[in-house]
């Protein structure tokens, strides 16, 4: 089990790094958006590339930020029953959701979007807008994000199984080995 827990630490680290990229993407998108508004309305100049880069950064924010949100247990959840569960109940609900919903959906979406990204990369597809950008960087966010979510889901399953076996303690935001 220790090899599996090392795997979870590696995945958690990767998710944290992707989360940092997502945080910087939010800042970059905000600055670009503000500058674009000033230039567009103050100087009456415009370029579609600035709008498209904002969309690309938004894609990076969502797709690269999702795994750290899952790791931190801050994802959206219908809390009607979950909040009322005691002891190991929430862990079993998490396991069910991870195994039967998250992993199949993330695996399918990765499988569908990776060839889409490769096709855009191979063809060098460009935006149809005047001044538009190449599209493969935005398309890359999909398989990268879905793949990272899949791996984070596997890590969360391992952590919950380790918790049920008494190997780690879990909190909603972090886990620590039992001393």
N, C-alpha and C. Protein backbone atom coordinates (compact mmCIF):
# COMPACT_ATOMS: atom_id res chain seq x y z
N UNK A 1 0.82 -1.20 0.00
CA UNK A 1 0.00 0.00 0.00
C UNK A 1 0.86 1.26 0.00
N UNK A 2 2.09 1.16 0.51
CA UNK A 2 2.94 2.36 0.57
C UNK A 2 3.28 2.86 -0.82
N UNK A 3 3.43 1.96 -1.79
CA UNK A 3 3.68 2.40 -3.17
C UNK A 3 2.49 3.16 -3.72
N UNK A 4 1.29 2.71 -3.38
CA UNK A 4 0.08 3.41 -3.82
C UNK A 4 0.00 4.79 -3.18
N UNK A 5 0.36 4.89 -1.90
CA UNK A 5 0.33 6.18 -1.23
C UNK A 5 1.40 7.12 -1.78
N UNK A 6 2.54 6.58 -2.20
CA UNK A 6 3.54 7.42 -2.88
C UNK A 6 2.98 7.94 -4.20
N UNK A 7 2.26 7.08 -4.90
CA UNK A 7 1.59 7.49 -6.14
C UNK A 7 0.64 8.65 -5.86
N UNK A 8 -0.14 8.55 -4.77
CA UNK A 8 -1.10 9.63 -4.46
C UNK A 8 -0.37 10.93 -4.16
N UNK A 9 0.77 10.86 -3.48
CA UNK A 9 1.53 12.07 -3.20
C UNK A 9 2.06 12.70 -4.49
N UNK A 10 2.49 11.86 -5.42
CA UNK A 10 2.97 12.38 -6.71
C UNK A 10 1.83 13.03 -7.49
N UNK A 11 0.69 12.39 -7.52
CA UNK A 11 -0.47 12.95 -8.23
C UNK A 11 -0.91 14.24 -7.56
N UNK A 12 -0.94 14.25 -6.22
CA UNK A 12 -1.30 15.47 -5.49
C UNK A 12 -0.35 16.61 -5.83
N UNK A 13 0.95 16.30 -5.95
CA UNK A 13 1.94 17.33 -6.28
C UNK A 13 1.68 17.88 -7.68
N UNK A 14 1.43 16.97 -8.63
CA UNK A 14 1.15 17.41 -10.01
C UNK A 14 -0.11 18.28 -10.03
N UNK A 15 -1.14 17.86 -9.31
CA UNK A 15 -2.38 18.64 -9.26
C UNK A 15 -2.13 20.02 -8.66
N UNK A 16 -1.29 20.09 -7.63
CA UNK A 16 -0.96 21.38 -7.02
C UNK A 16 -0.23 22.28 -8.01
N UNK A 17 0.67 21.70 -8.80
CA UNK A 17 1.39 22.50 -9.80
C UNK A 17 0.44 22.99 -10.89
N UNK A 18 -0.45 22.11 -11.34
CA UNK A 18 -1.44 22.53 -12.33
C UNK A 18 -2.36 23.60 -11.76
N UNK A 19 -2.67 23.48 -10.46
CA UNK A 19 -3.48 24.50 -9.80
C UNK A 19 -2.80 25.86 -9.78
N UNK A 20 -1.47 25.86 -9.61
CA UNK A 20 -0.72 27.12 -9.65
C UNK A 20 -0.78 27.73 -11.05
N UNK A 21 -0.66 26.89 -12.06
CA UNK A 21 -0.78 27.38 -13.45
C UNK A 21 -2.17 27.98 -13.66
N UNK A 22 -3.19 27.30 -13.13
CA UNK A 22 -4.57 27.79 -13.27
C UNK A 22 -4.73 29.15 -12.57
N UNK A 23 -4.12 29.29 -11.40
CA UNK A 23 -4.21 30.56 -10.68
C UNK A 23 -3.55 31.69 -11.47
N UNK A 24 -2.39 31.41 -12.06
CA UNK A 24 -1.73 32.42 -12.88
C UNK A 24 -2.54 32.72 -14.14
N UNK A 25 -3.22 31.72 -14.66
CA UNK A 25 -4.06 31.93 -15.85
C UNK A 25 -5.21 32.88 -15.53
N UNK A 26 -5.76 32.78 -14.32
CA UNK A 26 -6.82 33.71 -13.91
C UNK A 26 -6.29 35.14 -13.89
N UNK A 27 -5.11 35.30 -13.29
CA UNK A 27 -4.51 36.63 -13.23
C UNK A 27 -4.22 37.16 -14.63
N UNK A 28 -3.61 36.34 -15.46
CA UNK A 28 -3.28 36.76 -16.83
C UNK A 28 -4.54 37.13 -17.61
N UNK A 29 -5.58 36.32 -17.49
CA UNK A 29 -6.82 36.61 -18.20
C UNK A 29 -7.44 37.91 -17.72
N UNK A 30 -7.36 38.17 -16.44
CA UNK A 30 -7.91 39.42 -15.89
C UNK A 30 -7.15 40.64 -16.39
N UNK A 31 -5.83 40.54 -16.38
CA UNK A 31 -5.01 41.66 -16.85
C UNK A 31 -5.23 41.89 -18.34
N UNK A 32 -5.24 40.82 -19.13
CA UNK A 32 -5.46 40.94 -20.57
C UNK A 32 -6.84 41.52 -20.85
N UNK A 33 -7.83 41.08 -20.10
CA UNK A 33 -9.19 41.58 -20.28
C UNK A 33 -9.27 43.07 -19.98
N UNK A 34 -8.66 43.50 -18.88
CA UNK A 34 -8.68 44.92 -18.52
C UNK A 34 -7.93 45.75 -19.56
N UNK A 35 -6.75 45.29 -19.96
CA UNK A 35 -5.98 46.02 -20.98
C UNK A 35 -6.72 46.07 -22.29
N UNK A 36 -7.35 44.98 -22.67
CA UNK A 36 -8.10 44.92 -23.92
C UNK A 36 -9.26 45.92 -23.88
N UNK A 37 -9.94 46.01 -22.74
CA UNK A 37 -11.06 46.96 -22.63
C UNK A 37 -10.56 48.40 -22.75
N UNK A 38 -9.45 48.71 -22.09
CA UNK A 38 -8.90 50.07 -22.17
C UNK A 38 -8.50 50.40 -23.61
N UNK A 39 -7.81 49.46 -24.26
CA UNK A 39 -7.35 49.70 -25.63
C UNK A 39 -8.54 49.79 -26.59
N UNK A 40 -9.51 48.92 -26.39
CA UNK A 40 -10.66 48.88 -27.30
C UNK A 40 -11.52 50.13 -27.17
N UNK A 41 -11.84 50.51 -25.93
CA UNK A 41 -12.76 51.63 -25.74
C UNK A 41 -12.03 52.97 -25.59
N UNK A 42 -10.79 52.94 -25.12
CA UNK A 42 -10.04 54.18 -24.97
C UNK A 42 -9.34 54.62 -26.23
N UNK A 43 -8.78 53.67 -26.97
CA UNK A 43 -8.02 54.00 -28.17
C UNK A 43 -8.70 53.57 -29.46
N UNK A 44 -9.85 52.92 -29.32
CA UNK A 44 -10.63 52.43 -30.46
C UNK A 44 -9.82 51.49 -31.35
N UNK A 45 -9.01 50.63 -30.70
CA UNK A 45 -8.24 49.60 -31.40
C UNK A 45 -8.71 48.23 -30.90
N UNK A 46 -8.63 47.25 -31.77
CA UNK A 46 -9.08 45.93 -31.34
C UNK A 46 -8.35 44.86 -32.13
N UNK A 47 -8.26 43.67 -31.51
CA UNK A 47 -7.67 42.52 -32.18
C UNK A 47 -8.32 41.27 -31.57
N UNK A 48 -8.81 40.39 -32.42
CA UNK A 48 -9.47 39.18 -31.94
C UNK A 48 -8.54 38.27 -31.14
N UNK A 49 -7.25 38.35 -31.39
CA UNK A 49 -6.31 37.50 -30.66
C UNK A 49 -6.40 37.73 -29.16
N UNK A 50 -6.63 38.98 -28.76
CA UNK A 50 -6.74 39.26 -27.31
C UNK A 50 -7.96 38.59 -26.70
N UNK A 51 -9.06 38.57 -27.42
CA UNK A 51 -10.25 37.88 -26.93
C UNK A 51 -10.02 36.38 -26.87
N UNK A 52 -9.38 35.85 -27.90
CA UNK A 52 -9.14 34.40 -27.94
C UNK A 52 -8.18 33.94 -26.86
N UNK A 53 -7.16 34.74 -26.59
CA UNK A 53 -6.22 34.33 -25.54
C UNK A 53 -6.92 34.30 -24.18
N UNK A 54 -7.90 35.17 -23.99
CA UNK A 54 -8.70 35.13 -22.76
C UNK A 54 -9.46 33.81 -22.67
N UNK A 55 -10.01 33.36 -23.78
CA UNK A 55 -10.74 32.09 -23.79
C UNK A 55 -9.79 30.93 -23.50
N UNK A 56 -8.60 31.00 -24.09
CA UNK A 56 -7.60 29.95 -23.84
C UNK A 56 -7.21 29.90 -22.37
N UNK A 57 -7.02 31.07 -21.79
CA UNK A 57 -6.66 31.13 -20.37
C UNK A 57 -7.81 30.67 -19.49
N UNK A 58 -9.04 30.94 -19.91
CA UNK A 58 -10.19 30.43 -19.16
C UNK A 58 -10.22 28.91 -19.22
N UNK A 59 -9.93 28.35 -20.39
CA UNK A 59 -9.87 26.88 -20.53
C UNK A 59 -8.79 26.32 -19.61
N UNK A 60 -7.65 26.97 -19.54
CA UNK A 60 -6.57 26.52 -18.65
C UNK A 60 -7.01 26.61 -17.20
N UNK A 61 -7.70 27.67 -16.84
CA UNK A 61 -8.17 27.84 -15.47
C UNK A 61 -9.08 26.69 -15.05
N UNK A 62 -10.05 26.40 -15.89
CA UNK A 62 -11.04 25.36 -15.55
C UNK A 62 -10.41 23.97 -15.60
N UNK A 63 -9.75 23.65 -16.70
CA UNK A 63 -9.26 22.29 -16.89
C UNK A 63 -8.07 21.95 -16.00
N UNK A 64 -7.20 22.91 -15.76
CA UNK A 64 -6.03 22.62 -14.92
C UNK A 64 -6.32 22.85 -13.44
N UNK A 65 -7.33 23.62 -13.14
CA UNK A 65 -7.69 23.86 -11.74
C UNK A 65 -8.57 22.78 -11.14
N UNK A 66 -9.28 22.04 -11.96
CA UNK A 66 -10.22 21.04 -11.46
C UNK A 66 -9.56 19.95 -10.60
N UNK A 67 -8.40 19.40 -10.97
CA UNK A 67 -7.82 18.34 -10.13
C UNK A 67 -7.48 18.79 -8.70
N UNK A 68 -6.99 20.01 -8.53
CA UNK A 68 -6.66 20.47 -7.17
C UNK A 68 -7.95 20.71 -6.38
N UNK A 69 -9.00 21.11 -7.05
CA UNK A 69 -10.28 21.28 -6.37
C UNK A 69 -10.78 19.93 -5.85
N UNK A 70 -10.63 18.89 -6.66
CA UNK A 70 -11.00 17.54 -6.22
C UNK A 70 -10.12 17.09 -5.06
N UNK A 71 -8.82 17.32 -5.16
CA UNK A 71 -7.89 16.93 -4.10
C UNK A 71 -8.26 17.60 -2.78
N UNK A 72 -8.61 18.88 -2.85
CA UNK A 72 -8.95 19.63 -1.64
C UNK A 72 -10.37 19.36 -1.15
N UNK A 73 -11.10 18.52 -1.88
CA UNK A 73 -12.48 18.16 -1.53
C UNK A 73 -13.38 19.40 -1.52
N UNK A 74 -13.12 20.31 -2.45
CA UNK A 74 -13.90 21.55 -2.55
C UNK A 74 -14.81 21.54 -3.78
N UNK A 75 -14.96 20.38 -4.41
CA UNK A 75 -15.78 20.29 -5.60
C UNK A 75 -17.26 20.37 -5.26
N UNK A 76 -18.07 20.61 -6.28
CA UNK A 76 -19.51 20.73 -6.09
C UNK A 76 -20.08 19.35 -5.75
N UNK A 77 -20.92 19.33 -4.75
CA UNK A 77 -21.52 18.08 -4.31
C UNK A 77 -22.93 18.39 -3.82
N UNK A 78 -23.87 17.53 -4.12
CA UNK A 78 -25.21 17.67 -3.57
C UNK A 78 -25.14 17.17 -2.13
N UNK A 79 -25.27 18.09 -1.21
CA UNK A 79 -24.98 17.81 0.19
C UNK A 79 -26.22 17.43 1.01
N UNK A 80 -27.32 17.11 0.37
CA UNK A 80 -28.56 16.82 1.10
C UNK A 80 -28.36 15.61 2.01
N UNK A 81 -27.84 14.52 1.49
CA UNK A 81 -27.62 13.32 2.29
C UNK A 81 -26.18 13.25 2.81
N UNK A 82 -25.24 13.67 2.01
CA UNK A 82 -23.82 13.54 2.34
C UNK A 82 -23.51 14.18 3.69
N UNK A 83 -24.04 15.37 3.94
CA UNK A 83 -23.77 16.09 5.19
C UNK A 83 -24.36 15.42 6.41
N UNK A 84 -25.33 14.56 6.23
CA UNK A 84 -25.97 13.87 7.36
C UNK A 84 -25.32 12.53 7.68
N UNK A 85 -24.45 12.07 6.81
CA UNK A 85 -23.82 10.77 7.02
C UNK A 85 -22.79 10.85 8.14
N UNK A 86 -22.67 9.80 8.89
CA UNK A 86 -21.74 9.75 10.02
C UNK A 86 -20.63 8.75 9.73
N UNK A 87 -19.55 8.89 10.47
CA UNK A 87 -18.41 7.99 10.45
C UNK A 87 -17.88 7.76 9.04
N UNK A 88 -17.95 6.56 8.54
CA UNK A 88 -17.38 6.24 7.22
C UNK A 88 -18.36 6.45 6.07
N UNK A 89 -19.58 6.86 6.37
CA UNK A 89 -20.59 7.06 5.34
C UNK A 89 -20.13 7.95 4.20
N UNK A 90 -19.59 9.15 4.50
CA UNK A 90 -19.14 10.01 3.40
C UNK A 90 -18.03 9.38 2.57
N UNK A 91 -17.19 8.58 3.18
CA UNK A 91 -16.09 7.94 2.45
C UNK A 91 -16.65 6.95 1.45
N UNK A 92 -17.66 6.19 1.85
CA UNK A 92 -18.28 5.23 0.93
C UNK A 92 -19.02 5.94 -0.21
N UNK A 93 -19.67 7.05 0.10
CA UNK A 93 -20.33 7.83 -0.96
C UNK A 93 -19.28 8.37 -1.93
N UNK A 94 -18.17 8.89 -1.40
CA UNK A 94 -17.08 9.36 -2.26
C UNK A 94 -16.56 8.24 -3.16
N UNK A 95 -16.32 7.09 -2.58
CA UNK A 95 -15.82 5.95 -3.36
C UNK A 95 -16.78 5.58 -4.48
N UNK A 96 -18.06 5.54 -4.15
CA UNK A 96 -19.07 5.22 -5.17
C UNK A 96 -19.04 6.23 -6.30
N UNK A 97 -19.05 7.52 -5.95
CA UNK A 97 -19.04 8.58 -6.96
C UNK A 97 -17.78 8.57 -7.80
N UNK A 98 -16.64 8.35 -7.15
CA UNK A 98 -15.37 8.33 -7.87
C UNK A 98 -15.31 7.15 -8.84
N UNK A 99 -15.71 5.97 -8.36
CA UNK A 99 -15.62 4.76 -9.17
C UNK A 99 -16.64 4.70 -10.31
N UNK A 100 -17.86 5.12 -10.03
CA UNK A 100 -18.93 4.91 -11.00
C UNK A 100 -19.31 6.14 -11.81
N UNK A 101 -18.83 7.30 -11.41
CA UNK A 101 -19.13 8.52 -12.16
C UNK A 101 -17.86 9.21 -12.66
N UNK A 102 -17.00 9.63 -11.74
CA UNK A 102 -15.84 10.43 -12.14
C UNK A 102 -14.91 9.67 -13.08
N UNK A 103 -14.43 8.49 -12.69
CA UNK A 103 -13.46 7.78 -13.52
C UNK A 103 -14.01 7.42 -14.90
N UNK A 104 -15.21 6.87 -15.00
CA UNK A 104 -15.70 6.56 -16.36
C UNK A 104 -15.86 7.80 -17.24
N UNK A 105 -16.38 8.88 -16.67
CA UNK A 105 -16.60 10.09 -17.47
C UNK A 105 -15.27 10.72 -17.87
N UNK A 106 -14.33 10.83 -16.93
CA UNK A 106 -13.03 11.43 -17.26
C UNK A 106 -12.27 10.56 -18.25
N UNK A 107 -12.35 9.25 -18.10
CA UNK A 107 -11.70 8.35 -19.05
C UNK A 107 -12.27 8.49 -20.44
N UNK A 108 -13.59 8.54 -20.53
CA UNK A 108 -14.25 8.70 -21.83
C UNK A 108 -13.90 10.04 -22.47
N UNK A 109 -13.95 11.11 -21.67
CA UNK A 109 -13.65 12.43 -22.22
C UNK A 109 -12.19 12.55 -22.66
N UNK A 110 -11.28 11.94 -21.91
CA UNK A 110 -9.89 11.93 -22.34
C UNK A 110 -9.77 11.19 -23.67
N UNK A 111 -10.39 10.03 -23.76
CA UNK A 111 -10.34 9.20 -24.96
C UNK A 111 -10.91 9.94 -26.18
N UNK A 112 -11.95 10.74 -25.97
CA UNK A 112 -12.56 11.48 -27.07
C UNK A 112 -11.79 12.74 -27.45
N UNK A 113 -11.18 13.40 -26.48
CA UNK A 113 -10.54 14.68 -26.77
C UNK A 113 -9.09 14.57 -27.20
N UNK A 114 -8.41 13.49 -26.85
CA UNK A 114 -7.00 13.38 -27.25
C UNK A 114 -6.83 13.34 -28.77
N UNK A 115 -7.60 12.54 -29.50
CA UNK A 115 -7.48 12.57 -30.97
C UNK A 115 -7.87 13.94 -31.55
N UNK A 116 -8.84 14.59 -30.95
CA UNK A 116 -9.25 15.93 -31.37
C UNK A 116 -8.07 16.90 -31.26
N UNK A 117 -7.38 16.86 -30.12
CA UNK A 117 -6.19 17.69 -29.93
C UNK A 117 -5.11 17.35 -30.95
N UNK A 118 -4.82 16.05 -31.13
CA UNK A 118 -3.78 15.63 -32.07
C UNK A 118 -4.08 16.10 -33.49
N UNK A 119 -5.35 16.05 -33.88
CA UNK A 119 -5.74 16.51 -35.21
C UNK A 119 -5.48 18.01 -35.36
N UNK A 120 -5.83 18.77 -34.35
CA UNK A 120 -5.58 20.22 -34.41
C UNK A 120 -4.08 20.52 -34.44
N UNK A 121 -3.32 19.77 -33.68
CA UNK A 121 -1.87 19.97 -33.66
C UNK A 121 -1.27 19.64 -35.03
N UNK A 122 -1.70 18.52 -35.58
CA UNK A 122 -1.16 18.06 -36.87
C UNK A 122 -1.51 19.01 -38.01
N UNK A 123 -2.74 19.50 -38.01
CA UNK A 123 -3.19 20.35 -39.11
C UNK A 123 -2.86 21.83 -38.90
N UNK A 124 -2.52 22.20 -37.66
CA UNK A 124 -2.25 23.61 -37.37
C UNK A 124 -3.47 24.48 -37.54
N UNK A 125 -4.63 23.94 -37.21
CA UNK A 125 -5.90 24.66 -37.39
C UNK A 125 -5.84 26.03 -36.73
N UNK A 126 -6.34 27.01 -37.45
CA UNK A 126 -6.38 28.39 -36.99
C UNK A 126 -7.82 28.82 -36.76
N UNK A 127 -7.98 29.80 -35.92
CA UNK A 127 -9.29 30.39 -35.71
C UNK A 127 -9.76 31.04 -37.00
N UNK A 128 -11.05 31.02 -37.23
CA UNK A 128 -11.61 31.65 -38.41
C UNK A 128 -11.70 33.16 -38.29
N UNK A 129 -11.46 33.70 -37.11
CA UNK A 129 -11.53 35.14 -36.90
C UNK A 129 -10.29 35.84 -37.44
N UNK A 130 -10.46 37.04 -37.89
CA UNK A 130 -9.33 37.84 -38.33
C UNK A 130 -8.44 38.10 -37.12
N UNK A 131 -7.16 37.81 -37.28
CA UNK A 131 -6.23 37.97 -36.15
C UNK A 131 -6.33 36.84 -35.14
N UNK A 132 -7.04 35.78 -35.50
CA UNK A 132 -7.23 34.66 -34.59
C UNK A 132 -5.96 33.84 -34.39
N UNK A 133 -5.99 33.00 -33.39
CA UNK A 133 -4.83 32.22 -32.99
C UNK A 133 -4.94 30.77 -33.45
N UNK A 134 -3.82 30.04 -33.34
CA UNK A 134 -3.87 28.60 -33.56
C UNK A 134 -4.72 27.99 -32.44
N UNK A 135 -5.39 26.92 -32.74
CA UNK A 135 -6.36 26.36 -31.79
C UNK A 135 -5.83 25.21 -30.93
N UNK A 136 -4.71 24.61 -31.31
CA UNK A 136 -4.29 23.42 -30.56
C UNK A 136 -3.97 23.71 -29.10
N UNK A 137 -3.46 24.88 -28.69
CA UNK A 137 -3.22 25.08 -27.26
C UNK A 137 -4.50 24.98 -26.42
N UNK A 138 -5.59 25.51 -26.96
CA UNK A 138 -6.86 25.40 -26.23
C UNK A 138 -7.35 23.95 -26.24
N UNK A 139 -7.18 23.27 -27.36
CA UNK A 139 -7.61 21.87 -27.45
C UNK A 139 -6.78 20.98 -26.52
N UNK A 140 -5.52 21.34 -26.30
CA UNK A 140 -4.66 20.57 -25.39
C UNK A 140 -5.20 20.57 -23.96
N UNK A 141 -5.85 21.64 -23.57
CA UNK A 141 -6.37 21.75 -22.20
C UNK A 141 -7.37 20.65 -21.89
N UNK A 142 -8.10 20.20 -22.89
CA UNK A 142 -9.12 19.17 -22.64
C UNK A 142 -8.50 17.83 -22.24
N UNK A 143 -7.70 17.17 -23.07
CA UNK A 143 -7.15 15.88 -22.64
C UNK A 143 -6.24 16.02 -21.42
N UNK A 144 -5.51 17.14 -21.33
CA UNK A 144 -4.65 17.35 -20.16
C UNK A 144 -5.48 17.44 -18.89
N UNK A 145 -6.54 18.22 -18.93
CA UNK A 145 -7.40 18.37 -17.75
C UNK A 145 -8.15 17.10 -17.40
N UNK A 146 -8.72 16.43 -18.42
CA UNK A 146 -9.45 15.19 -18.14
C UNK A 146 -8.51 14.09 -17.65
N UNK A 147 -7.32 14.02 -18.22
CA UNK A 147 -6.34 13.03 -17.77
C UNK A 147 -5.89 13.30 -16.34
N UNK A 148 -5.65 14.57 -16.01
CA UNK A 148 -5.25 14.92 -14.64
C UNK A 148 -6.38 14.64 -13.65
N UNK A 149 -7.62 14.90 -14.06
CA UNK A 149 -8.76 14.59 -13.18
C UNK A 149 -8.88 13.09 -12.97
N UNK A 150 -8.65 12.31 -14.02
CA UNK A 150 -8.72 10.86 -13.90
C UNK A 150 -7.67 10.38 -12.88
N UNK A 151 -6.44 10.87 -13.02
CA UNK A 151 -5.38 10.47 -12.09
C UNK A 151 -5.67 10.92 -10.67
N UNK A 152 -6.19 12.13 -10.52
CA UNK A 152 -6.54 12.61 -9.17
C UNK A 152 -7.67 11.76 -8.59
N UNK A 153 -8.60 11.34 -9.44
CA UNK A 153 -9.67 10.46 -8.98
C UNK A 153 -9.13 9.13 -8.49
N UNK A 154 -8.17 8.55 -9.21
CA UNK A 154 -7.53 7.31 -8.78
C UNK A 154 -6.83 7.53 -7.43
N UNK A 155 -6.13 8.66 -7.31
CA UNK A 155 -5.44 8.96 -6.05
C UNK A 155 -6.43 9.10 -4.90
N UNK A 156 -7.57 9.72 -5.15
CA UNK A 156 -8.58 9.88 -4.10
C UNK A 156 -9.17 8.53 -3.69
N UNK A 157 -9.35 7.65 -4.65
CA UNK A 157 -9.84 6.30 -4.32
C UNK A 157 -8.83 5.59 -3.43
N UNK A 158 -7.56 5.65 -3.79
CA UNK A 158 -6.51 5.01 -2.99
C UNK A 158 -6.50 5.57 -1.58
N UNK A 159 -6.61 6.89 -1.46
CA UNK A 159 -6.59 7.51 -0.12
C UNK A 159 -7.78 7.07 0.72
N UNK A 160 -8.94 6.96 0.11
CA UNK A 160 -10.12 6.55 0.87
C UNK A 160 -10.04 5.07 1.29
N UNK A 161 -9.49 4.25 0.43
CA UNK A 161 -9.29 2.85 0.81
C UNK A 161 -8.27 2.76 1.93
N UNK A 162 -7.19 3.53 1.84
CA UNK A 162 -6.19 3.55 2.91
C UNK A 162 -6.80 4.05 4.21
N UNK A 163 -7.67 5.03 4.13
CA UNK A 163 -8.36 5.52 5.33
C UNK A 163 -9.23 4.43 5.94
N UNK A 164 -10.00 3.74 5.11
CA UNK A 164 -10.87 2.68 5.62
C UNK A 164 -10.07 1.53 6.24
N UNK A 165 -8.84 1.34 5.75
CA UNK A 165 -7.97 0.30 6.31
C UNK A 165 -7.19 0.80 7.52
N UNK A 166 -7.38 2.06 7.89
CA UNK A 166 -6.70 2.62 9.06
C UNK A 166 -5.27 3.04 8.82
N UNK A 167 -4.88 3.20 7.55
CA UNK A 167 -3.49 3.54 7.24
C UNK A 167 -3.23 5.05 7.24
N UNK A 168 -4.24 5.84 6.98
CA UNK A 168 -4.10 7.29 7.02
C UNK A 168 -5.33 7.89 7.70
N UNK A 169 -5.17 9.11 8.18
CA UNK A 169 -6.30 9.88 8.67
C UNK A 169 -6.66 10.86 7.57
N UNK A 170 -7.93 11.19 7.49
CA UNK A 170 -8.35 12.13 6.46
C UNK A 170 -9.14 13.26 7.07
N UNK A 171 -8.94 14.42 6.50
CA UNK A 171 -9.73 15.59 6.81
C UNK A 171 -10.31 16.04 5.48
N UNK A 172 -11.16 17.02 5.48
CA UNK A 172 -11.73 17.44 4.20
C UNK A 172 -10.70 18.13 3.31
N UNK A 173 -9.59 18.58 3.88
CA UNK A 173 -8.61 19.32 3.09
C UNK A 173 -7.26 18.65 2.98
N UNK A 174 -6.99 17.66 3.80
CA UNK A 174 -5.66 17.05 3.72
C UNK A 174 -5.70 15.69 4.41
N UNK A 175 -4.67 14.94 4.20
CA UNK A 175 -4.53 13.66 4.87
C UNK A 175 -3.13 13.61 5.47
N UNK A 176 -2.99 12.85 6.54
CA UNK A 176 -1.69 12.68 7.14
C UNK A 176 -1.57 11.23 7.61
N UNK A 177 -0.39 10.66 7.52
CA UNK A 177 -0.23 9.27 7.95
C UNK A 177 -0.47 9.13 9.45
N UNK A 178 -1.03 8.00 9.83
CA UNK A 178 -1.22 7.71 11.25
C UNK A 178 0.15 7.44 11.86
N UNK A 179 0.44 8.07 12.99
CA UNK A 179 1.75 7.91 13.65
C UNK A 179 1.78 6.66 14.51
